[in-house]
PDB file of N, CA and C in Angstrom:
ATOM      1  N   MET A   1       0.821  -1.440   0.167  1.00  0.00           N
ATOM      2  CA  MET A   1      -0.032   0.054  -0.370  1.00  0.00           C
ATOM      3  C   MET A   1       1.210   1.128   0.117  1.00  0.00           C
ATOM      4  N   LEU A   2       1.826   1.304   0.658  1.00  0.00           N
ATOM      5  CA  LEU A   2       2.697   2.739   0.762  1.00  0.00           C
ATOM      6  C   LEU A   2       3.380   2.697  -0.574  1.00  0.00           C
ATOM      7  N   ALA A   3       3.707   1.776  -1.154  1.00  0.00           N
ATOM      8  CA  ALA A   3       4.673   1.819  -2.644  1.00  0.00           C
ATOM      9  C   ALA A   3       3.537   2.150  -3.748  1.00  0.00           C
ATOM     10  N   THR A   4       1.944   2.043  -3.141  1.00  0.00           N
ATOM     11  CA  THR A   4       0.959   2.841  -4.125  1.00  0.00           C
ATOM     12  C   THR A   4       1.014   3.940  -3.922  1.00  0.00           C
ATOM     13  N   ILE A   5       0.622   4.525  -2.743  1.00  0.00           N
ATOM     14  CA  ILE A   5       0.924   5.982  -2.288  1.00  0.00           C
ATOM     15  C   ILE A   5       1.819   6.621  -3.175  1.00  0.00           C
ATOM     16  N   VAL A   6       3.331   6.262  -2.308  1.00  0.00           N
ATOM     17  CA  VAL A   6       4.399   6.954  -3.116  1.00  0.00           C
ATOM     18  C   VAL A   6       4.478   6.840  -5.085  1.00  0.00           C
ATOM     19  N   GLU A   7       4.111   5.721  -5.319  1.00  0.00           N
ATOM     20  CA  GLU A   7       3.767   5.731  -6.889  1.00  0.00           C
ATOM     21  C   GLU A   7       3.125   6.868  -7.591  1.00  0.00           C
ATOM     22  N   GLU A   8       1.828   7.110  -6.581  1.00  0.00           N
ATOM     23  CA  GLU A   8       0.913   7.922  -6.945  1.00  0.00           C
ATOM     24  C   GLU A   8       0.747   9.235  -6.725  1.00  0.00           C
ATOM     25  N   ALA A   9       1.829   9.538  -5.555  1.00  0.00           N
ATOM     26  CA  ALA A   9       2.332  10.935  -5.451  1.00  0.00           C
ATOM     27  C   ALA A   9       3.453  11.169  -6.537  1.00  0.00           C
ATOM     28  N   ALA A  10       3.973   9.884  -6.640  1.00  0.00           N
ATOM     29  CA  ALA A  10       4.857  10.589  -8.602  1.00  0.00           C
ATOM     30  C   ALA A  10       4.311  10.854  -9.416  1.00  0.00           C
ATOM     31  N   ASN A  11       2.656  10.336  -9.371  1.00  0.00           N
ATOM     32  CA  ASN A  11       2.035  10.603 -10.699  1.00  0.00           C
ATOM     33  C   ASN A  11       1.587  11.806 -10.962  1.00  0.00           C
ATOM     34  N   PRO A  12       1.940  12.586 -11.555  1.00  0.00           N
ATOM     35  CA  PRO A  12       0.878  13.864 -11.618  1.00  0.00           C
ATOM     36  C   PRO A  12      -0.296  14.057 -12.490  1.00  0.00           C
ATOM     37  N   SER A  13      -0.515  12.413 -12.876  1.00  0.00           N
ATOM     38  CA  SER A  13      -1.772  12.902 -13.535  1.00  0.00           C
ATOM     39  C   SER A  13      -3.206  12.601 -12.809  1.00  0.00           C
ATOM     40  N   THR A  14      -3.093  12.499 -11.497  1.00  0.00           N
ATOM     41  CA  THR A  14      -4.269  12.351 -10.029  1.00  0.00           C
ATOM     42  C   THR A  14      -4.350  13.884  -9.386  1.00  0.00           C
ATOM     43  N   PRO A  15      -5.593  14.483  -9.595  1.00  0.00           N
ATOM     44  CA  PRO A  15      -5.477  15.913  -9.490  1.00  0.00           C
ATOM     45  C   PRO A  15      -5.432  16.158  -7.674  1.00  0.00           C
ATOM     46  N   TRP A  16      -5.781  16.833  -7.536  1.00  0.00           N
ATOM     47  CA  TRP A  16      -5.173  17.322  -5.775  1.00  0.00           C
ATOM     48  C   TRP A  16      -6.607  16.531  -5.200  1.00  0.00           C
ATOM     49  N   TYR A  17      -7.383  16.788  -5.927  1.00  0.00           N
ATOM     50  CA  TYR A  17      -8.836  16.779  -5.465  1.00  0.00           C
ATOM     51  C   TYR A  17      -9.272  15.636  -5.163  1.00  0.00           C
ATOM     52  N   TRP A  18      -8.687  14.748  -5.824  1.00  0.00           N
ATOM     53  CA  TRP A  18      -8.976  13.412  -5.345  1.00  0.00           C
ATOM     54  C   TRP A  18      -8.469  12.802  -4.377  1.00  0.00           C
ATOM     55  N   TRP A  19      -7.055  13.556  -4.053  1.00  0.00           N
ATOM     56  CA  TRP A  19      -6.544  13.290  -2.915  1.00  0.00           C
ATOM     57  C   TRP A  19      -6.782  13.497  -1.771  1.00  0.00           C
ATOM     58  N   ALA A  20      -7.757  14.987  -1.623  1.00  0.00           N
ATOM     59  CA  ALA A  20      -8.171  15.405  -0.365  1.00  0.00           C
ATOM     60  C   ALA A  20      -9.269  14.622  -0.084  1.00  0.00           C
ATOM     61  N   ILE A  21     -10.422  14.198  -1.083  1.00  0.00           N
ATOM     62  CA  ILE A  21     -11.412  13.314  -1.544  1.00  0.00           C
ATOM     63  C   ILE A  21     -11.076  11.846   0.003  1.00  0.00           C
ATOM     64  N   GLY A  22     -10.396  11.392  -1.114  1.00  0.00           N
ATOM     65  CA  GLY A  22      -9.261   9.935  -0.170  1.00  0.00           C
ATOM     66  C   GLY A  22      -8.955  10.068   0.836  1.00  0.00           C
ATOM     67  N   PHE A  23      -8.546  11.191   1.163  1.00  0.00           N
ATOM     68  CA  PHE A  23      -7.906  11.005   3.034  1.00  0.00           C
ATOM     69  C   PHE A  23      -9.061  12.244   3.563  1.00  0.00           C
ATOM     70  N   GLY A  24      -9.520  12.822   2.965  1.00  0.00           N
ATOM     71  CA  GLY A  24     -11.114  13.529   3.974  1.00  0.00           C
ATOM     72  C   GLY A  24     -11.731  12.187   4.401  1.00  0.00           C
ATOM     73  N   GLY A  25     -12.205  11.320   3.392  1.00  0.00           N
ATOM     74  CA  GLY A  25     -13.012  10.051   3.739  1.00  0.00           C
ATOM     75  C   GLY A  25     -12.519   9.264   4.721  1.00  0.00           C
ATOM     76  N   GLN A  26     -11.379   9.221   5.135  1.00  0.00           N
ATOM     77  CA  GLN A  26     -10.388   8.157   5.478  1.00  0.00           C
ATOM     78  C   GLN A  26     -10.364   8.634   7.031  1.00  0.00           C
ATOM     79  N   ALA A  27      -9.954  10.551   6.969  1.00  0.00           N
ATOM     80  CA  ALA A  27     -10.242  10.698   7.963  1.00  0.00           C
ATOM     81  C   ALA A  27     -11.680  10.453   9.166  1.00  0.00           C
ATOM     82  N   VAL A  28     -12.305  11.140   8.029  1.00  0.00           N
ATOM     83  CA  VAL A  28     -14.322  10.589   8.764  1.00  0.00           C
ATOM     84  C   VAL A  28     -14.695   9.933   8.945  1.00  0.00           C
ATOM     85  N   PHE A  29     -13.819   8.322   8.193  1.00  0.00           N
ATOM     86  CA  PHE A  29     -14.479   7.341   8.689  1.00  0.00           C
ATOM     87  C   PHE A  29     -13.980   6.851   9.728  1.00  0.00           C
ATOM     88  N   GLY A  30     -12.097   7.033   9.880  1.00  0.00           N
ATOM     89  CA  GLY A  30     -11.492   6.529  10.760  1.00  0.00           C
ATOM     90  C   GLY A  30     -11.944   7.232  12.644  1.00  0.00           C
ATOM     91  N   THR A  31     -11.969   8.909  12.499  1.00  0.00           N
ATOM     92  CA  THR A  31     -12.864   9.442  13.710  1.00  0.00           C
ATOM     93  C   THR A  31     -13.945   9.035  14.158  1.00  0.00           C
ATOM     94  N   ARG A  32     -14.816   8.406  13.443  1.00  0.00           N
ATOM     95  CA  ARG A  32     -15.930   7.668  14.292  1.00  0.00           C
ATOM     96  C   ARG A  32     -15.924   6.769  15.396  1.00  0.00           C
ATOM     97  N   PHE A  33     -14.352   6.184  15.227  1.00  0.00           N
ATOM     98  CA  PHE A  33     -14.370   5.082  16.192  1.00  0.00           C
ATOM     99  C   PHE A  33     -14.341   5.888  17.473  1.00  0.00           C
ATOM    100  N   LEU A  34     -13.909   6.921  17.796  1.00  0.00           N
ATOM    101  CA  LEU A  34     -13.241   8.199  18.438  1.00  0.00           C
ATOM    102  C   LEU A  34     -14.321   8.294  19.100  1.00  0.00           C
ATOM    103  N   VAL A  35     -15.438   8.773  18.278  1.00  0.00           N
ATOM    104  CA  VAL A  35     -16.851   9.520  18.633  1.00  0.00           C
ATOM    105  C   VAL A  35     -17.439   8.403  19.287  1.00  0.00           C
ATOM    106  N   GLN A  36     -17.289   7.259  19.194  1.00  0.00           N
ATOM    107  CA  GLN A  36     -18.075   6.134  19.443  1.00  0.00           C
ATOM    108  C   GLN A  36     -17.527   5.915  20.803  1.00  0.00           C
ATOM    109  N   TRP A  37     -16.084   5.768  20.904  1.00  0.00           N
ATOM    110  CA  TRP A  37     -15.546   5.499  22.100  1.00  0.00           C
ATOM    111  C   TRP A  37     -15.950   6.516  23.381  1.00  0.00           C
ATOM    112  N   LEU A  38     -15.660   8.153  22.766  1.00  0.00           N
ATOM    113  CA  LEU A  38     -16.121   8.825  24.125  1.00  0.00           C
ATOM    114  C   LEU A  38     -17.532   8.726  24.501  1.00  0.00           C
ATOM    115  N   ALA A  39     -18.408   8.307  23.414  1.00  0.00           N
ATOM    116  CA  ALA A  39     -20.070   8.049  23.753  1.00  0.00           C
ATOM    117  C   ALA A  39     -19.832   7.187  24.659  1.00  0.00           C
ATOM    118  N   SER A  40     -19.032   6.011  24.294  1.00  0.00           N
ATOM    119  CA  SER A  40     -18.903   4.712  25.234  1.00  0.00           C
ATOM    120  C   SER A  40     -18.857   5.075  26.804  1.00  0.00           C
ATOM    121  N   GLU A  41     -17.610   6.145  26.689  1.00  0.00           N
ATOM    122  CA  GLU A  41     -16.977   5.918  28.197  1.00  0.00           C
ATOM    123  C   GLU A  41     -17.931   7.182  28.823  1.00  0.00           C
ATOM    124  N   ARG A  42     -18.689   8.270  28.247  1.00  0.00           N
ATOM    125  CA  ARG A  42     -19.818   9.107  28.478  1.00  0.00           C
ATOM    126  C   ARG A  42     -20.650   8.372  29.374  1.00  0.00           C
ATOM    127  N   ALA A  43     -21.045   7.143  28.539  1.00  0.00           N
ATOM    128  CA  ALA A  43     -22.283   6.525  29.435  1.00  0.00           C
ATOM    129  C   ALA A  43     -21.950   5.051  30.118  1.00  0.00           C
ATOM    130  N   GLY A  44     -21.019   4.866  30.187  1.00  0.00           N
ATOM    131  CA  GLY A  44     -20.268   3.976  31.196  1.00  0.00           C
ATOM    132  C   GLY A  44     -21.213   2.216  30.563  1.00  0.00           C
ATOM    133  N   ARG A  45     -21.345   2.733  29.433  1.00  0.00           N
ATOM    134  CA  ARG A  45     -21.371   1.327  28.480  1.00  0.00           C
ATOM    135  C   ARG A  45     -21.429   1.262  26.709  1.00  0.00           C
ATOM    136  N   SER A  46     -21.382   0.363  26.518  1.00  0.00           N
ATOM    137  CA  SER A  46     -20.814   0.739  24.833  1.00  0.00           C
ATOM    138  C   SER A  46     -22.067   0.880  24.458  1.00  0.00           C
ATOM    139  N   VAL A  47     -22.143   2.043  23.742  1.00  0.00           N
ATOM    140  CA  VAL A  47     -23.667   2.869  22.859  1.00  0.00           C
ATOM    141  C   VAL A  47     -22.788   2.719  21.357  1.00  0.00           C
ATOM    142  N   MET A  48     -23.498   3.075  20.229  1.00  0.00           N
ATOM    143  CA  MET A  48     -23.321   3.569  19.054  1.00  0.00           C
ATOM    144  C   MET A  48     -24.036   5.009  18.878  1.00  0.00           C
ATOM    145  N   PRO A  49     -23.465   6.074  18.761  1.00  0.00           N
ATOM    146  CA  PRO A  49     -24.218   7.473  18.635  1.00  0.00           C
ATOM    147  C   PRO A  49     -24.650   7.811  17.462  1.00  0.00           C
ATOM    148  N   LEU A  50     -25.360   8.510  17.027  1.00  0.00           N
ATOM    149  CA  LEU A  50     -26.127   8.853  15.943  1.00  0.00           C
ATOM    150  C   LEU A  50     -25.057   9.199  14.782  1.00  0.00           C
ATOM    151  N   ALA A  51     -24.167  10.163  15.773  1.00  0.00           N
ATOM    152  CA  ALA A  51     -22.920  10.535  14.917  1.00  0.00           C
ATOM    153  C   ALA A  51     -21.968   9.687  14.434  1.00  0.00           C
ATOM    154  N   PHE A  52     -21.730   8.370  14.583  1.00  0.00           N
ATOM    155  CA  PHE A  52     -21.027   7.164  14.372  1.00  0.00           C
ATOM    156  C   PHE A  52     -21.702   6.761  13.091  1.00  0.00           C
ATOM    157  N   TRP A  53     -22.794   6.793  12.944  1.00  0.00           N
ATOM    158  CA  TRP A  53     -23.799   5.907  11.661  1.00  0.00           C
ATOM    159  C   TRP A  53     -23.282   7.146  10.548  1.00  0.00           C
ATOM    160  N   TRP A  54     -23.386   8.484  10.783  1.00  0.00           N
ATOM    161  CA  TRP A  54     -23.608   9.525  10.111  1.00  0.00           C
ATOM    162  C   TRP A  54     -21.992   9.783   9.433  1.00  0.00           C
ATOM    163  N   MET A  55     -21.064   9.713  10.656  1.00  0.00           N
ATOM    164  CA  MET A  55     -19.908   9.515   9.812  1.00  0.00           C
ATOM    165  C   MET A  55     -19.123   8.510   9.253  1.00  0.00           C
ATOM    166  N   SER A  56     -19.590   7.696   9.106  1.00  0.00           N
ATOM    167  CA  SER A  56     -19.529   6.000   8.442  1.00  0.00           C
ATOM    168  C   SER A  56     -20.241   6.103   7.156  1.00  0.00           C
ATOM    169  N   ILE A  57     -21.446   7.213   7.090  1.00  0.00           N
ATOM    170  CA  ILE A  57     -22.228   7.322   5.424  1.00  0.00           C
ATOM    171  C   ILE A  57     -21.770   8.303   4.752  1.00  0.00           C
ATOM    172  N   VAL A  58     -20.847   9.158   5.745  1.00  0.00           N
ATOM    173  CA  VAL A  58     -19.914  10.309   5.156  1.00  0.00           C
ATOM    174  C   VAL A  58     -18.632   9.568   4.704  1.00  0.00           C
ATOM    175  N   GLY A  59     -17.896   9.078   5.409  1.00  0.00           N
ATOM    176  CA  GLY A  59     -16.630   8.796   5.225  1.00  0.00           C
ATOM    177  C   GLY A  59     -16.775   7.854   3.808  1.00  0.00           C
ATOM    178  N   GLY A  60     -17.862   6.588   3.837  1.00  0.00           N
ATOM    179  CA  GLY A  60     -18.025   5.790   3.112  1.00  0.00           C
ATOM    180  C   GLY A  60     -18.275   6.224   1.910  1.00  0.00           C
ATOM    181  N   LEU A  61     -19.019   7.047   1.708  1.00  0.00           N
ATOM    182  CA  LEU A  61     -19.505   7.835   0.612  1.00  0.00           C
ATOM    183  C   LEU A  61     -18.025   8.511   0.042  1.00  0.00           C
ATOM    184  N   LEU A  62     -17.015   8.854   0.472  1.00  0.00           N
ATOM    185  CA  LEU A  62     -16.226  10.076  -0.115  1.00  0.00           C
ATOM    186  C   LEU A  62     -15.339   8.832  -0.250  1.00  0.00           C
ATOM    187  N   LEU A  63     -15.185   7.651   0.730  1.00  0.00           N
ATOM    188  CA  LEU A  63     -14.007   6.704   0.152  1.00  0.00           C
ATOM    189  C   LEU A  63     -14.628   5.787  -1.375  1.00  0.00           C
ATOM    190  N   LEU A  64     -15.950   5.948  -1.322  1.00  0.00           N
ATOM    191  CA  LEU A  64     -16.771   4.809  -2.697  1.00  0.00           C
ATOM    192  C   LEU A  64     -16.067   6.235  -3.802  1.00  0.00           C
ATOM    193  N   ALA A  65     -16.213   7.197  -3.442  1.00  0.00           N
ATOM    194  CA  ALA A  65     -16.114   8.378  -5.271  1.00  0.00           C
ATOM    195  C   ALA A  65     -14.585   7.909  -5.029  1.00  0.00           C
ATOM    196  N   TYR A  66     -13.770   7.763  -4.030  1.00  0.00           N
ATOM    197  CA  TYR A  66     -12.366   7.534  -4.009  1.00  0.00           C
ATOM    198  C   TYR A  66     -12.015   6.212  -4.933  1.00  0.00           C
ATOM    199  N   ALA A  67     -12.597   5.340  -4.580  1.00  0.00           N
ATOM    200  CA  ALA A  67     -12.383   3.768  -5.354  1.00  0.00           C
ATOM    201  C   ALA A  67     -13.069   3.920  -6.376  1.00  0.00           C
ATOM    202  N   CYS A  68     -14.384   4.760  -6.935  1.00  0.00           N
ATOM    203  CA  CYS A  68     -14.352   4.661  -8.222  1.00  0.00           C
ATOM    204  C   CYS A  68     -13.738   5.595  -9.193  1.00  0.00           C
ATOM    205  N   PHE A  69     -13.057   6.201  -8.512  1.00  0.00           N
ATOM    206  CA  PHE A  69     -11.967   7.119  -9.476  1.00  0.00           C
ATOM    207  C   PHE A  69     -10.568   6.232  -9.743  1.00  0.00           C
ATOM    208  N   LEU A  70     -10.218   5.323  -8.470  1.00  0.00           N
ATOM    209  CA  LEU A  70      -8.971   4.436  -8.746  1.00  0.00           C
ATOM    210  C   LEU A  70      -9.866   3.051  -9.823  1.00  0.00           C
ATOM    211  N   GLY A  71     -11.184   2.699  -9.837  1.00  0.00           N
ATOM    212  CA  GLY A  71     -11.617   2.135 -10.714  1.00  0.00           C
ATOM    213  C   GLY A  71     -11.095   0.299 -10.137  1.00  0.00           C
ATOM    214  N   ASP A  72     -10.951   0.424  -8.474  1.00  0.00           N
ATOM    215  CA  ASP A  72     -10.678  -0.829  -7.604  1.00  0.00           C
ATOM    216  C   ASP A  72     -12.024  -1.371  -7.664  1.00  0.00           C
ATOM    217  N   PRO A  73     -12.072  -2.464  -7.989  1.00  0.00           N
ATOM    218  CA  PRO A  73     -13.656  -3.462  -7.989  1.00  0.00           C
ATOM    219  C   PRO A  73     -13.506  -3.543  -6.365  1.00  0.00           C
ATOM    220  N   VAL A  74     -12.803  -4.146  -6.052  1.00  0.00           N
ATOM    221  CA  VAL A  74     -12.617  -5.122  -4.964  1.00  0.00           C
ATOM    222  C   VAL A  74     -12.877  -3.793  -3.687  1.00  0.00           C
ATOM    223  N   PHE A  75     -12.242  -2.298  -3.447  1.00  0.00           N
ATOM    224  CA  PHE A  75     -12.437  -1.493  -3.058  1.00  0.00           C
ATOM    225  C   PHE A  75     -13.839  -0.824  -3.269  1.00  0.00           C
ATOM    226  N   ILE A  76     -14.579  -0.898  -4.615  1.00  0.00           N
ATOM    227  CA  ILE A  76     -15.980  -0.528  -4.886  1.00  0.00           C
ATOM    228  C   ILE A  76     -16.732  -1.315  -4.152  1.00  0.00           C
ATOM    229  N   LEU A  77     -16.563  -2.633  -4.055  1.00  0.00           N
ATOM    230  CA  LEU A  77     -17.800  -3.151  -3.514  1.00  0.00           C
ATOM    231  C   LEU A  77     -17.605  -3.069  -1.729  1.00  0.00           C
ATOM    232  N   GLY A  78     -16.664  -2.964  -1.206  1.00  0.00           N
ATOM    233  CA  GLY A  78     -16.318  -2.932  -0.044  1.00  0.00           C
ATOM    234  C   GLY A  78     -17.261  -1.727   0.709  1.00  0.00           C
ATOM    235  N   GLN A  79     -16.951  -0.707   0.001  1.00  0.00           N
ATOM    236  CA  GLN A  79     -18.039   0.407   0.486  1.00  0.00           C
ATOM    237  C   GLN A  79     -19.206   0.888  -0.090  1.00  0.00           C
ATOM    238  N   SER A  80     -19.658   0.068  -1.374  1.00  0.00           N
ATOM    239  CA  SER A  80     -20.832  -0.131  -1.628  1.00  0.00           C
ATOM    240  C   SER A  80     -21.867  -0.603  -0.512  1.00  0.00           C
ATOM    241  N   THR A  81     -21.139  -2.022   0.315  1.00  0.00           N
ATOM    242  CA  THR A  81     -22.011  -2.754   0.764  1.00  0.00           C
ATOM    243  C   THR A  81     -22.282  -2.167   2.027  1.00  0.00           C
ATOM    244  N   GLY A  82     -20.865  -1.832   2.541  1.00  0.00           N
ATOM    245  CA  GLY A  82     -20.871  -0.675   3.729  1.00  0.00           C
ATOM    246  C   GLY A  82     -21.896   0.355   4.560  1.00  0.00           C
ATOM    247  N   THR A  83     -21.766   0.495   2.894  1.00  0.00           N
ATOM    248  CA  THR A  83     -22.982   2.463   3.082  1.00  0.00           C
ATOM    249  C   THR A  83     -24.180   1.815   3.357  1.00  0.00           C
ATOM    250  N   LEU A  84     -24.465   0.596   2.118  1.00  0.00           N
ATOM    251  CA  LEU A  84     -25.785   0.075   2.272  1.00  0.00           C
ATOM    252  C   LEU A  84     -26.283  -0.316   3.867  1.00  0.00           C
ATOM    253  N   VAL A  85     -24.999  -0.973   4.603  1.00  0.00           N
ATOM    254  CA  VAL A  85     -25.282  -1.038   6.082  1.00  0.00           C
ATOM    255  C   VAL A  85     -25.954  -0.133   6.996  1.00  0.00           C
ATOM    256  N   TYR A  86     -24.940   0.908   7.060  1.00  0.00           N
ATOM    257  CA  TYR A  86     -24.909   2.207   7.255  1.00  0.00           C
ATOM    258  C   TYR A  86     -26.004   3.282   7.162  1.00  0.00           C
ATOM    259  N   ALA A  87     -26.400   2.669   6.040  1.00  0.00           N
ATOM    260  CA  ALA A  87     -27.859   3.883   5.731  1.00  0.00           C
ATOM    261  C   ALA A  87     -28.785   2.633   6.520  1.00  0.00           C
ATOM    262  N   ARG A  88     -29.149   1.934   6.580  1.00  0.00           N
ATOM    263  CA  ARG A  88     -29.983   1.031   6.830  1.00  0.00           C
ATOM    264  C   ARG A  88     -30.058   1.143   8.827  1.00  0.00           C
ATOM    265  N   ASN A  89     -28.689   1.208   9.343  1.00  0.00           N
ATOM    266  CA  ASN A  89     -29.077   1.665  10.591  1.00  0.00           C
ATOM    267  C   ASN A  89     -29.507   2.754  10.959  1.00  0.00           C
ATOM    268  N   LEU A  90     -29.042   3.809  10.130  1.00  0.00           N
ATOM    269  CA  LEU A  90     -29.733   5.110  10.283  1.00  0.00           C
ATOM    270  C   LEU A  90     -31.430   4.864  10.651  1.00  0.00           C
ATOM    271  N   SER A  91     -31.637   4.468   8.892  1.00  0.00           N
ATOM    272  CA  SER A  91     -33.616   3.706   8.822  1.00  0.00           C
ATOM    273  C   SER A  91     -33.986   3.318  10.525  1.00  0.00           C
ATOM    274  N   LEU A  92     -33.263   1.905  10.750  1.00  0.00           N
ATOM    275  CA  LEU A  92     -33.587   1.578  12.358  1.00  0.00           C
ATOM    276  C   LEU A  92     -33.901   2.951  13.403  1.00  0.00           C
ATOM    277  N   LEU A  93     -32.471   3.603  13.263  1.00  0.00           N
ATOM    278  CA  LEU A  93     -33.014   4.589  15.134  1.00  0.00           C
ATOM    279  C   LEU A  93     -34.211   5.439  14.586  1.00  0.00           C
ATOM    280  N   LYS A  94     -34.713   5.922  13.135  1.00  0.00           N
ATOM    281  CA  LYS A  94     -35.690   6.288  12.959  1.00  0.00           C
ATOM    282  C   LYS A  94     -36.887   5.710  13.864  1.00  0.00           C
ATOM    283  N   ASN A  95     -36.967   4.403  14.134  1.00  0.00           N
ATOM    284  CA  ASN A  95     -38.129   3.960  14.264  1.00  0.00           C
ATOM    285  C   ASN A  95     -38.039   4.129  16.153  1.00  0.00           C
ATOM    286  N   PRO A  96     -38.310   4.539  16.537  1.00  0.00           N
ATOM    287  CA  PRO A  96     -38.746   4.467  17.927  1.00  0.00           C
ATOM    288  C   PRO A  96     -38.393   3.540  18.916  1.00  0.00           C
ATOM    289  N   LYS A  97     -38.882   2.258  18.113  1.00  0.00           N
ATOM    290  CA  LYS A  97     -38.992   0.627  18.714  1.00  0.00           C
ATOM    291  C   LYS A  97     -37.542   0.235  18.778  1.00  0.00           C
ATOM    292  N   ALA A  98     -37.137   0.580  17.760  1.00  0.00           N
ATOM    293  CA  ALA A  98     -35.649   0.264  17.870  1.00  0.00           C
ATOM    294  C   ALA A  98     -34.577   0.915  18.339  1.00  0.00           C
ATOM    295  N   SER A  99     -34.688   1.917  18.446  1.00  0.00           N
ATOM    296  CA  SER A  99     -33.942   2.676  19.065  1.00  0.00           C
ATOM    297  C   SER A  99     -34.166   2.533  20.892  1.00  0.00           C
ATOM    298  N   GLU A 100     -35.033   1.857  21.440  1.00  0.00           N
ATOM    299  CA  GLU A 100     -35.294   1.901  22.913  1.00  0.00           C
ATOM    300  C   GLU A 100     -34.459   0.618  23.384  1.00  0.00           C
ATOM    301  N   SER A 101     -34.119  -0.538  22.732  1.00  0.00           N
ATOM    302  CA  SER A 101     -33.436  -1.115  22.495  1.00  0.00           C
ATOM    303  C   SER A 101     -31.520  -1.113  22.637  1.00  0.00           C
ATOM    304  N   THR A 102     -31.291   0.045  22.461  1.00  0.00           N
ATOM    305  CA  THR A 102     -29.375   0.442  22.356  1.00  0.00           C
ATOM    306  C   THR A 102     -29.371   0.931  23.777  1.00  0.00           C
TER     307      THR A 102
END
């Protein structure tokens, strides 16, 4: 992976904004775990705050866009299916009965 990053950095054909989208998506996606951890610490039990799912969708969509730009089918499939799961969790949280169990 590091070799690919170095190779891409040397390739001026990749526009800067795709780098921003890729790294931005990774930052949002990675930060969601910090949000979940802090929310769990505050609650004194394991919880998944609404922000976790929104950050999952935003980060996932940014990474999906970057994967599509790269044309990487493995990366595209992984981000596509993940984003569907995050969206489903958000829709379940809209149901008051579903949120009572968390």
